[in-house]
Protein backbone atom coordinates (compact mmCIF):
# COMPACT_ATOMS: atom_id res chain seq x y z
CA UNK A 1 -136.11 106.44 -65.56
CA UNK A 2 -135.97 102.47 -64.36
CA UNK A 3 -132.92 101.79 -62.16
CA UNK A 4 -131.55 99.65 -65.03
CA UNK A 5 -131.69 102.68 -67.38
CA UNK A 6 -130.43 105.04 -64.57
CA UNK A 7 -127.38 102.81 -64.16
CA UNK A 8 -126.57 102.61 -68.06
CA UNK A 9 -126.89 106.40 -67.89
CA UNK A 10 -124.47 107.00 -65.39
CA UNK A 11 -122.17 104.48 -66.66
CA UNK A 12 -122.29 106.34 -70.34
CA UNK A 13 -120.96 109.62 -68.49
CA UNK A 14 -118.43 107.66 -66.39
CA UNK A 15 -117.05 106.03 -69.50
CA UNK A 16 -116.16 109.26 -71.04
CA UNK A 17 -113.91 110.15 -68.02
CA UNK A 18 -112.01 107.02 -68.14
CA UNK A 19 -111.10 107.15 -71.80
CA UNK A 20 -108.39 109.59 -70.83
CA UNK A 21 -105.42 109.40 -68.76
CA UNK A 22 -105.93 112.62 -66.90
CA UNK A 23 -108.75 115.35 -67.04
CA UNK A 24 -109.00 117.45 -70.13
CA UNK A 25 -108.09 121.09 -69.94
CA UNK A 26 -110.72 122.09 -72.26
CA UNK A 27 -113.44 120.22 -70.08
CA UNK A 28 -111.97 121.75 -66.89
CA UNK A 29 -112.31 125.26 -68.34
CA UNK A 30 -116.06 124.85 -68.03
CA UNK A 31 -115.78 123.99 -64.43
CA UNK A 32 -113.54 126.94 -63.80
CA UNK A 33 -116.11 129.09 -65.33
CA UNK A 34 -118.42 128.52 -62.42
CA UNK A 35 -115.83 130.30 -60.08
CA UNK A 36 -114.65 133.87 -59.58
CA UNK A 37 -111.05 132.97 -59.70
CA UNK A 38 -108.31 130.12 -59.94
CA UNK A 39 -107.18 131.11 -56.32
CA UNK A 40 -107.80 128.61 -53.51
CA UNK A 41 -110.24 128.77 -51.71
CA UNK A 42 -112.65 128.93 -54.93
CA UNK A 43 -115.63 131.04 -54.73
CA UNK A 44 -118.74 129.98 -56.95
CA UNK A 45 -119.98 132.86 -59.21
CA UNK A 46 -123.46 134.48 -58.56
CA UNK A 47 -126.39 133.06 -60.36
CA UNK A 48 -130.17 133.70 -60.36
CA UNK A 49 -131.65 130.40 -60.43
CA UNK A 50 -135.05 128.86 -59.32
CA UNK A 51 -135.39 125.10 -58.66
CA UNK A 52 -137.15 122.42 -56.78
CA UNK A 53 -134.93 120.29 -54.65
CA UNK A 54 -134.37 118.37 -51.20
CA UNK A 55 -131.64 118.11 -48.91
CA UNK A 56 -130.04 121.48 -47.70
CA UNK A 57 -129.14 119.57 -45.61
CA UNK A 58 -129.50 115.64 -45.71
CA UNK A 59 -129.33 113.23 -42.39
CA UNK A 60 -126.03 113.69 -40.51
CA UNK A 61 -125.35 110.04 -41.75
CA UNK A 62 -125.51 110.61 -45.29
CA UNK A 63 -123.43 114.05 -44.89
CA UNK A 64 -120.92 112.41 -43.11
CA UNK A 65 -120.48 109.50 -45.86
CA UNK A 66 -120.19 112.35 -48.43
CA UNK A 67 -117.54 114.48 -46.36
CA UNK A 68 -115.54 111.14 -46.27
CA UNK A 69 -115.54 110.91 -50.14
CA UNK A 70 -114.76 114.64 -50.59
CA UNK A 71 -111.61 114.44 -48.22
CA UNK A 72 -110.52 111.15 -49.64
CA UNK A 73 -110.46 112.76 -53.17
CA UNK A 74 -108.77 115.89 -51.90
CA UNK A 75 -105.99 113.64 -50.29
CA UNK A 76 -105.39 111.69 -53.59
CA UNK A 77 -105.39 114.52 -56.18
CA UNK A 78 -102.39 116.14 -54.37
CA UNK A 79 -103.32 119.66 -54.92
CA UNK A 80 -105.93 122.49 -53.67
CA UNK A 81 -107.49 122.96 -56.96
CA UNK A 82 -110.79 121.20 -55.85
CA UNK A 83 -114.17 122.58 -54.69
CA UNK A 84 -116.26 120.79 -52.16
CA UNK A 85 -119.84 121.50 -51.66
CA UNK A 86 -120.50 122.62 -48.08
CA UNK A 87 -122.36 120.07 -45.93
CA UNK A 88 -125.53 122.34 -45.69
CA UNK A 89 -125.70 122.74 -49.39
CA UNK A 90 -125.94 119.17 -50.54
CA UNK A 91 -128.98 118.83 -52.49
CA UNK A 92 -130.73 116.56 -55.07
CA UNK A 93 -132.60 118.50 -57.67
CA UNK A 94 -135.88 117.50 -59.21
CA UNK A 95 -136.69 120.46 -61.84
CA UNK A 96 -135.07 123.74 -62.65
CA UNK A 97 -137.51 126.41 -63.28
CA UNK A 98 -135.26 129.26 -64.30
CA UNK A 99 -131.51 128.80 -65.59
CA UNK A 100 -129.37 131.75 -64.97
CA UNK A 101 -129.90 133.46 -68.42
CA UNK A 102 -133.94 132.90 -68.63
CA UNK A 103 -136.54 135.73 -68.24
CA UNK A 104 -138.38 135.57 -64.85
CA UNK A 105 -141.40 137.33 -63.79
CA UNK A 106 -143.92 137.61 -60.85
CA UNK A 107 -146.39 135.59 -62.75
CA UNK A 108 -143.92 132.86 -63.16
CA UNK A 109 -142.91 133.03 -59.45
CA UNK A 110 -146.75 132.76 -58.52
CA UNK A 111 -147.17 129.72 -60.82
CA UNK A 112 -144.27 127.99 -59.37
CA UNK A 113 -145.53 128.69 -56.01
CA UNK A 114 -148.96 127.30 -56.68
CA UNK A 115 -147.61 124.10 -58.35
CA UNK A 116 -145.41 122.94 -55.22
CA UNK A 117 -147.99 124.28 -52.66
CA UNK A 118 -150.64 122.08 -54.21
CA UNK A 119 -148.66 119.13 -54.74
CA UNK A 120 -149.57 116.20 -52.55
CA UNK A 121 -146.43 115.19 -50.81
CA UNK A 122 -145.71 112.18 -48.92
CA UNK A 123 -142.08 111.20 -47.63
CA UNK A 124 -140.23 108.99 -49.81
CA UNK A 125 -136.81 107.10 -50.12
CA UNK A 126 -133.94 107.40 -52.35
CA UNK A 127 -131.20 105.13 -52.65
CA UNK A 128 -127.61 106.45 -53.14
CA UNK A 129 -125.19 103.94 -54.18
CA UNK A 130 -121.75 104.71 -55.43
CA UNK A 131 -120.34 107.99 -56.55
CA UNK A 132 -118.45 108.96 -60.01
CA UNK A 133 -116.33 111.65 -61.72
CA UNK A 134 -117.42 113.17 -64.78
CA UNK A 135 -115.05 114.27 -67.69
CA UNK A 136 -115.33 118.09 -66.62
CA UNK A 137 -114.10 117.12 -62.93
CA UNK A 138 -117.81 117.18 -61.46
CA UNK A 139 -118.09 114.52 -58.46
CA UNK A 140 -121.76 113.31 -57.99
CA UNK A 141 -123.20 110.61 -55.67
CA UNK A 142 -125.29 108.35 -57.77
CA UNK A 143 -128.96 108.26 -56.53
CA UNK A 144 -131.89 105.93 -57.71
CA UNK A 145 -135.50 106.63 -57.63
CA UNK A 146 -136.45 103.40 -55.72
CA UNK A 147 -139.89 104.55 -54.95
CA UNK A 148 -140.73 106.33 -58.15
CA UNK A 149 -141.82 109.55 -56.05
CA UNK A 150 -139.07 111.68 -58.00
CA UNK A 151 -140.28 110.87 -61.34
CA UNK A 152 -143.79 111.16 -60.48
CA UNK A 153 -143.13 114.76 -59.19
CA UNK A 154 -141.16 115.48 -62.16
CA UNK A 155 -144.22 114.48 -64.23
CA UNK A 156 -146.47 116.60 -61.90
CA UNK A 157 -144.20 119.85 -62.64
CA UNK A 158 -144.23 119.14 -66.39
CA UNK A 159 -148.13 119.30 -66.45
CA UNK A 160 -148.47 122.24 -64.06
CA UNK A 161 -145.72 124.45 -65.20
CA UNK A 162 -146.14 125.74 -68.72
CA UNK A 163 -142.81 127.70 -68.91
CA UNK A 164 -140.59 124.97 -67.57
CA UNK A 165 -137.22 124.89 -69.37
CA UNK A 166 -136.59 121.98 -71.60
CA UNK A 167 -133.08 121.32 -70.17
CA UNK A 168 -133.61 119.13 -67.23
CA UNK A 169 -131.42 116.39 -65.28
CA UNK A 170 -132.75 112.88 -65.83
CA UNK A 171 -130.59 111.80 -62.93
CA UNK A 172 -131.24 111.69 -59.18
CA UNK A 173 -127.68 112.61 -58.14
CA UNK A 174 -126.08 114.97 -55.35
CA UNK A 175 -123.33 117.10 -56.71
CA UNK A 176 -120.58 117.22 -54.36
CA UNK A 177 -117.65 118.93 -55.79
CA UNK A 178 -115.23 119.76 -58.59
CA UNK A 179 -111.88 118.85 -59.56
CA UNK A 180 -110.67 122.08 -61.16
CA UNK A 181 -106.94 121.01 -62.45
CA UNK A 182 -105.13 117.97 -64.03
CA UNK A 183 -104.02 115.41 -61.28
CA UNK A 184 -101.56 113.15 -63.22
CA UNK A 185 -101.86 109.76 -64.29
CA UNK A 186 -101.00 108.10 -61.42
CA UNK A 187 -103.74 109.94 -59.24
CA UNK A 188 -106.06 109.62 -62.07
CA UNK A 189 -105.88 105.77 -62.09
CA UNK A 190 -106.28 105.85 -58.13
CA UNK A 191 -109.33 107.94 -58.70
CA UNK A 192 -110.77 105.32 -60.90
CA UNK A 193 -110.03 102.56 -58.63
CA UNK A 194 -111.83 104.44 -55.82
CA UNK A 195 -114.99 105.19 -57.86
CA UNK A 196 -115.21 101.37 -59.31
CA UNK A 197 -115.13 100.18 -55.59
CA UNK A 198 -117.70 102.69 -54.29
CA UNK A 199 -120.43 100.86 -55.85
CA UNK A 200 -119.84 98.23 -52.97
CA UNK A 201 -118.44 100.61 -50.36
CA UNK A 202 -121.12 103.45 -50.54
CA UNK A 203 -125.00 102.59 -50.22
CA UNK A 204 -127.40 104.67 -48.27
CA UNK A 205 -131.22 104.75 -48.15
CA UNK A 206 -132.18 108.49 -47.29
CA UNK A 207 -135.77 109.43 -46.39
CA UNK A 208 -136.78 112.64 -48.17
CA UNK A 209 -139.20 114.63 -45.93
CA UNK A 210 -139.70 117.60 -47.68
CA UNK A 211 -139.40 119.39 -51.19
CA UNK A 212 -138.05 122.87 -51.26
CA UNK A 213 -138.81 125.76 -53.68
CA UNK A 214 -135.05 127.52 -53.84
CA UNK A 215 -133.98 130.90 -55.13
CA UNK A 216 -130.04 130.03 -55.90
CA UNK A 217 -128.08 133.08 -55.99
CA UNK A 218 -124.56 131.57 -55.96
CA UNK A 219 -123.81 128.20 -57.61
CA UNK A 220 -123.85 125.30 -55.09
CA UNK A 221 -126.20 126.99 -53.07
CA UNK A 222 -123.72 129.00 -51.42
CA UNK A 223 -126.48 131.89 -51.13
CA UNK A 224 -129.72 130.83 -51.40
CA UNK A 225 -133.65 131.71 -50.39
CA UNK A 226 -135.84 128.93 -49.41
CA UNK A 227 -139.12 130.24 -50.77
CA UNK A 228 -141.47 127.45 -49.85
CA UNK A 229 -141.24 123.91 -47.99
CA UNK A 230 -143.75 121.07 -48.89
CA UNK A 231 -143.57 118.62 -46.29
CA UNK A 232 -141.96 118.13 -42.71
CA UNK A 233 -139.73 121.03 -41.72
């Protein structure tokens, strides 16, 4: 997507959040289903997922800026029902090769290996500008494919992998956490102000030096195996 289209896509999702006066319990249930219990600290559930992504980790500069957002949100909501993605687990996803319930095989894994191994990777830049909160409490840093490199890679993967799941993100975002309980109208309003200001306050261009082929074994990369790296290590 072009930047204008990406901005509009982020905005459409954000509007759904701010139509409310607090988070919906029905939407929060979706987020809670990704964790083993309602007790703090929250532990993501086990999964069996394969994907291509970058990060894990990002630069120290970007990681520190994200950590500040996470802590500001935690201090604002006034409770501990908030999961923060750990710094070394922050990533931007390009393509999911297997969702948790999809079938997998040695043949599919070999095809995925061949696709990433043969890709002619050149380092590129992603613009991260602002962050938002979706209606299910998910926090994301908004990314923009300023060089067109992510879009080109996604198109390449579509042409190379015949079993690619139809469910794929069109965004270039970094998931950074989830609010897992209602926060009250006052905190909700304050969160909205923080989000709206973030477009001016948070702008970082990150150089991407590799793409990783990952087997994710616990949500939010808390358990994972890096199967292949295309680019600098």
